[in-house]
């Protein structure tokens, strides 16, 4: 029982870390794209472009 609980806790921590890292990267690209474009569509396409380029 303790091993199962330990496994769940470890996976939750790792998942939260990956989510935070992904969100941080997206926010960085969002800031860059807001400086380059004024329209919402331009910002969204810029963020998608940077995310595809980075992966």
PDB file of N, CA and C in Angstrom:
ATOM      1  N   UNK A   1       0.830  -1.198   0.000  1.00  0.00           N
ATOM      2  CA  UNK A   1       0.000   0.000   0.000  1.00  0.00           C
ATOM      3  C   UNK A   1       0.870   1.256   0.000  1.00  0.00           C
ATOM      4  N   UNK A   2       1.938   1.244   0.804  1.00  0.00           N
ATOM      5  CA  UNK A   2       2.806   2.416   0.865  1.00  0.00           C
ATOM      6  C   UNK A   2       3.519   2.650  -0.458  1.00  0.00           C
ATOM      7  N   UNK A   3       3.878   1.560  -1.150  1.00  0.00           N
ATOM      8  CA  UNK A   3       4.551   1.707  -2.438  1.00  0.00           C
ATOM      9  C   UNK A   3       3.633   2.341  -3.467  1.00  0.00           C
ATOM     10  N   UNK A   4       2.372   1.947  -3.450  1.00  0.00           N
ATOM     11  CA  UNK A   4       1.414   2.517  -4.399  1.00  0.00           C
ATOM     12  C   UNK A   4       1.216   4.002  -4.121  1.00  0.00           C
ATOM     13  N   UNK A   5       1.082   4.362  -2.856  1.00  0.00           N
ATOM     14  CA  UNK A   5       0.919   5.764  -2.485  1.00  0.00           C
ATOM     15  C   UNK A   5       2.158   6.567  -2.852  1.00  0.00           C
ATOM     16  N   UNK A   6       3.320   6.002  -2.598  1.00  0.00           N
ATOM     17  CA  UNK A   6       4.579   6.655  -2.950  1.00  0.00           C
ATOM     18  C   UNK A   6       4.665   6.861  -4.465  1.00  0.00           C
ATOM     19  N   UNK A   7       4.286   5.866  -5.234  1.00  0.00           N
ATOM     20  CA  UNK A   7       4.305   5.976  -6.694  1.00  0.00           C
ATOM     21  C   UNK A   7       3.378   7.070  -7.197  1.00  0.00           C
ATOM     22  N   UNK A   8       2.189   7.154  -6.630  1.00  0.00           N
ATOM     23  CA  UNK A   8       1.233   8.186  -7.020  1.00  0.00           C
ATOM     24  C   UNK A   8       1.783   9.570  -6.701  1.00  0.00           C
ATOM     25  N   UNK A   9       2.345   9.739  -5.523  1.00  0.00           N
ATOM     26  CA  UNK A   9       2.906  11.031  -5.123  1.00  0.00           C
ATOM     27  C   UNK A   9       4.048  11.435  -6.056  1.00  0.00           C
ATOM     28  N   UNK A  10       4.917  10.513  -6.395  1.00  0.00           N
ATOM     29  CA  UNK A  10       6.030  10.805  -7.292  1.00  0.00           C
ATOM     30  C   UNK A  10       5.521  11.225  -8.667  1.00  0.00           C
ATOM     31  N   UNK A  11       4.541  10.511  -9.213  1.00  0.00           N
ATOM     32  CA  UNK A  11       3.996  10.864 -10.522  1.00  0.00           C
ATOM     33  C   UNK A  11       3.294  12.220 -10.496  1.00  0.00           C
ATOM     34  N   UNK A  12       2.610  12.544  -9.408  1.00  0.00           N
ATOM     35  CA  UNK A  12       1.957  13.848  -9.297  1.00  0.00           C
ATOM     36  C   UNK A  12       2.999  14.961  -9.281  1.00  0.00           C
ATOM     37  N   UNK A  13       4.066  14.772  -8.545  1.00  0.00           N
ATOM     38  CA  UNK A  13       5.128  15.786  -8.467  1.00  0.00           C
ATOM     39  C   UNK A  13       5.793  15.968  -9.826  1.00  0.00           C
ATOM     40  N   UNK A  14       6.103  14.867 -10.499  1.00  0.00           N
ATOM     41  CA  UNK A  14       6.730  14.954 -11.822  1.00  0.00           C
ATOM     42  C   UNK A  14       5.770  15.621 -12.819  1.00  0.00           C
ATOM     43  N   UNK A  15       4.508  15.257 -12.789  1.00  0.00           N
ATOM     44  CA  UNK A  15       3.515  15.859 -13.681  1.00  0.00           C
ATOM     45  C   UNK A  15       3.367  17.350 -13.445  1.00  0.00           C
ATOM     46  N   UNK A  16       3.343  17.756 -12.189  1.00  0.00           N
ATOM     47  CA  UNK A  16       3.242  19.177 -11.869  1.00  0.00           C
ATOM     48  C   UNK A  16       4.479  19.930 -12.352  1.00  0.00           C
ATOM     49  N   UNK A  17       5.640  19.319 -12.211  1.00  0.00           N
ATOM     50  CA  UNK A  17       6.876  19.944 -12.695  1.00  0.00           C
ATOM     51  C   UNK A  17       6.875  20.115 -14.204  1.00  0.00           C
ATOM     52  N   UNK A  18       6.431  19.104 -14.926  1.00  0.00           N
ATOM     53  CA  UNK A  18       6.358  19.207 -16.390  1.00  0.00           C
ATOM     54  C   UNK A  18       5.340  20.256 -16.829  1.00  0.00           C
ATOM     55  N   UNK A  19       4.210  20.308 -16.148  1.00  0.00           N
ATOM     56  CA  UNK A  19       3.197  21.312 -16.469  1.00  0.00           C
ATOM     57  C   UNK A  19       3.740  22.719 -16.242  1.00  0.00           C
ATOM     58  N   UNK A  20       4.432  22.925 -15.134  1.00  0.00           N
ATOM     59  CA  UNK A  20       4.988  24.235 -14.825  1.00  0.00           C
ATOM     60  C   UNK A  20       6.037  24.640 -15.840  1.00  0.00           C
ATOM     61  N   UNK A  21       6.908  23.718 -16.216  1.00  0.00           N
ATOM     62  CA  UNK A  21       7.939  24.026 -17.210  1.00  0.00           C
ATOM     63  C   UNK A  21       7.317  24.356 -18.558  1.00  0.00           C
ATOM     64  N   UNK A  22       6.315  23.630 -18.961  1.00  0.00           N
ATOM     65  CA  UNK A  22       5.645  23.880 -20.233  1.00  0.00           C
ATOM     66  C   UNK A  22       4.943  25.239 -20.219  1.00  0.00           C
ATOM     67  N   UNK A  23       4.272  25.537 -19.137  1.00  0.00           N
ATOM     68  CA  UNK A  23       3.559  26.800 -19.021  1.00  0.00           C
ATOM     69  C   UNK A  23       4.539  27.972 -18.999  1.00  0.00           C
ATOM     70  N   UNK A  24       5.666  27.811 -18.343  1.00  0.00           N
ATOM     71  CA  UNK A  24       6.678  28.866 -18.286  1.00  0.00           C
ATOM     72  C   UNK A  24       7.205  29.166 -19.678  1.00  0.00           C
ATOM     73  N   UNK A  25       7.452  28.132 -20.463  1.00  0.00           N
ATOM     74  CA  UNK A  25       7.955  28.301 -21.823  1.00  0.00           C
ATOM     75  C   UNK A  25       6.915  29.019 -22.685  1.00  0.00           C
ATOM     76  N   UNK A  26       5.663  28.652 -22.549  1.00  0.00           N
ATOM     77  CA  UNK A  26       4.602  29.289 -23.332  1.00  0.00           C
ATOM     78  C   UNK A  26       4.463  30.760 -22.964  1.00  0.00           C
ATOM     79  N   UNK A  27       4.592  31.083 -21.690  1.00  0.00           N
ATOM     80  CA  UNK A  27       4.505  32.481 -21.257  1.00  0.00           C
ATOM     81  C   UNK A  27       5.662  33.306 -21.816  1.00  0.00           C
ATOM     82  N   UNK A  28       6.841  32.695 -21.907  1.00  0.00           N
ATOM     83  CA  UNK A  28       7.998  33.384 -22.477  1.00  0.00           C
ATOM     84  C   UNK A  28       7.737  33.719 -23.939  1.00  0.00           C
ATOM     85  N   UNK A  29       7.216  32.759 -24.698  1.00  0.00           N
ATOM     86  CA  UNK A  29       6.911  32.996 -26.106  1.00  0.00           C
ATOM     87  C   UNK A  29       5.779  34.008 -26.257  1.00  0.00           C
ATOM     88  N   UNK A  30       4.815  33.973 -25.359  1.00  0.00           N
ATOM     89  CA  UNK A  30       3.704  34.917 -25.412  1.00  0.00           C
ATOM     90  C   UNK A  30       4.214  36.347 -25.261  1.00  0.00           C
ATOM     91  N   UNK A  31       5.135  36.560 -24.349  1.00  0.00           N
ATOM     92  CA  UNK A  31       5.697  37.896 -24.137  1.00  0.00           C
ATOM     93  C   UNK A  31       6.459  38.367 -25.378  1.00  0.00           C
ATOM     94  N   UNK A  32       7.244  37.475 -25.968  1.00  0.00           N
ATOM     95  CA  UNK A  32       7.994  37.820 -27.181  1.00  0.00           C
ATOM     96  C   UNK A  32       7.035  38.184 -28.305  1.00  0.00           C
ATOM     97  N   UNK A  33       5.976  37.391 -28.473  1.00  0.00           N
ATOM     98  CA  UNK A  33       5.047  37.603 -29.575  1.00  0.00           C
ATOM     99  C   UNK A  33       4.195  38.850 -29.378  1.00  0.00           C
ATOM    100  N   UNK A  34       3.910  39.219 -28.139  1.00  0.00           N
ATOM    101  CA  UNK A  34       3.144  40.432 -27.894  1.00  0.00           C
ATOM    102  C   UNK A  34       3.939  41.663 -28.313  1.00  0.00           C
ATOM    103  N   UNK A  35       5.258  41.588 -28.223  1.00  0.00           N
ATOM    104  CA  UNK A  35       6.093  42.706 -28.647  1.00  0.00           C
ATOM    105  C   UNK A  35       6.137  42.801 -30.170  1.00  0.00           C
ATOM    106  N   UNK A  36       5.951  41.667 -30.862  1.00  0.00           N
ATOM    107  CA  UNK A  36       6.045  41.645 -32.317  1.00  0.00           C
ATOM    108  C   UNK A  36       4.720  41.943 -33.012  1.00  0.00           C
ATOM    109  N   UNK A  37       3.597  41.651 -32.374  1.00  0.00           N
ATOM    110  CA  UNK A  37       2.307  41.766 -33.046  1.00  0.00           C
ATOM    111  C   UNK A  37       1.294  42.462 -32.144  1.00  0.00           C
ATOM    112  N   UNK A  38       0.314  43.105 -32.782  1.00  0.00           N
ATOM    113  CA  UNK A  38      -0.741  43.788 -32.030  1.00  0.00           C
ATOM    114  C   UNK A  38      -2.050  43.014 -32.030  1.00  0.00           C
ATOM    115  N   UNK A  39      -2.269  42.167 -33.032  1.00  0.00           N
ATOM    116  CA  UNK A  39      -3.550  41.465 -33.128  1.00  0.00           C
ATOM    117  C   UNK A  39      -3.496  40.127 -32.387  1.00  0.00           C
ATOM    118  N   UNK A  40      -4.645  39.694 -31.909  1.00  0.00           N
ATOM    119  CA  UNK A  40      -4.734  38.432 -31.167  1.00  0.00           C
ATOM    120  C   UNK A  40      -4.376  37.253 -32.052  1.00  0.00           C
ATOM    121  N   UNK A  41      -4.840  37.255 -33.300  1.00  0.00           N
ATOM    122  CA  UNK A  41      -4.521  36.163 -34.224  1.00  0.00           C
ATOM    123  C   UNK A  41      -3.031  36.084 -34.512  1.00  0.00           C
ATOM    124  N   UNK A  42      -2.393  37.251 -34.648  1.00  0.00           N
ATOM    125  CA  UNK A  42      -0.952  37.280 -34.894  1.00  0.00           C
ATOM    126  C   UNK A  42      -0.171  36.742 -33.712  1.00  0.00           C
ATOM    127  N   UNK A  43      -0.610  37.070 -32.516  1.00  0.00           N
ATOM    128  CA  UNK A  43       0.062  36.596 -31.299  1.00  0.00           C
ATOM    129  C   UNK A  43      -0.086  35.085 -31.180  1.00  0.00           C
ATOM    130  N   UNK A  44      -1.304  34.564 -31.402  1.00  0.00           N
ATOM    131  CA  UNK A  44      -1.538  33.121 -31.288  1.00  0.00           C
ATOM    132  C   UNK A  44      -0.718  32.339 -32.309  1.00  0.00           C
ATOM    133  N   UNK A  45      -0.688  32.818 -33.543  1.00  0.00           N
ATOM    134  CA  UNK A  45       0.078  32.107 -34.566  1.00  0.00           C
ATOM    135  C   UNK A  45       1.573  32.191 -34.288  1.00  0.00           C
ATOM    136  N   UNK A  46       2.026  33.300 -33.743  1.00  0.00           N
ATOM    137  CA  UNK A  46       3.436  33.444 -33.381  1.00  0.00           C
ATOM    138  C   UNK A  46       3.818  32.452 -32.276  1.00  0.00           C
ATOM    139  N   UNK A  47       2.966  32.319 -31.263  1.00  0.00           N
ATOM    140  CA  UNK A  47       3.233  31.378 -30.170  1.00  0.00           C
ATOM    141  C   UNK A  47       3.261  29.950 -30.700  1.00  0.00           C
ATOM    142  N   UNK A  48       2.296  29.586 -31.541  1.00  0.00           N
ATOM    143  CA  UNK A  48       2.275  28.240 -32.127  1.00  0.00           C
ATOM    144  C   UNK A  48       3.540  27.981 -32.938  1.00  0.00           C
ATOM    145  N   UNK A  49       3.962  28.979 -33.706  1.00  0.00           N
ATOM    146  CA  UNK A  49       5.177  28.846 -34.515  1.00  0.00           C
ATOM    147  C   UNK A  49       6.402  28.588 -33.637  1.00  0.00           C
ATOM    148  N   UNK A  50       6.548  29.367 -32.572  1.00  0.00           N
ATOM    149  CA  UNK A  50       7.703  29.200 -31.684  1.00  0.00           C
ATOM    150  C   UNK A  50       7.672  27.855 -30.965  1.00  0.00           C
ATOM    151  N   UNK A  51       6.477  27.403 -30.556  1.00  0.00           N
ATOM    152  CA  UNK A  51       6.363  26.114 -29.884  1.00  0.00           C
ATOM    153  C   UNK A  51       6.730  24.963 -30.828  1.00  0.00           C
ATOM    154  N   UNK A  52       6.298  25.054 -32.094  1.00  0.00           N
ATOM    155  CA  UNK A  52       6.662  24.015 -33.067  1.00  0.00           C
ATOM    156  C   UNK A  52       8.144  24.059 -33.357  1.00  0.00           C
ATOM    157  N   UNK A  53       8.706  25.252 -33.445  1.00  0.00           N
ATOM    158  CA  UNK A  53      10.126  25.409 -33.740  1.00  0.00           C
ATOM    159  C   UNK A  53      10.975  24.845 -32.609  1.00  0.00           C
ATOM    160  N   UNK A  54      10.504  25.011 -31.371  1.00  0.00           N
ATOM    161  CA  UNK A  54      11.261  24.586 -30.191  1.00  0.00           C
ATOM    162  C   UNK A  54      11.237  23.082 -29.990  1.00  0.00           C
ATOM    163  N   UNK A  55      10.163  22.420 -30.451  1.00  0.00           N
ATOM    164  CA  UNK A  55      10.049  20.973 -30.197  1.00  0.00           C
ATOM    165  C   UNK A  55      10.724  20.146 -31.261  1.00  0.00           C
TER     166      UNK A  55
END
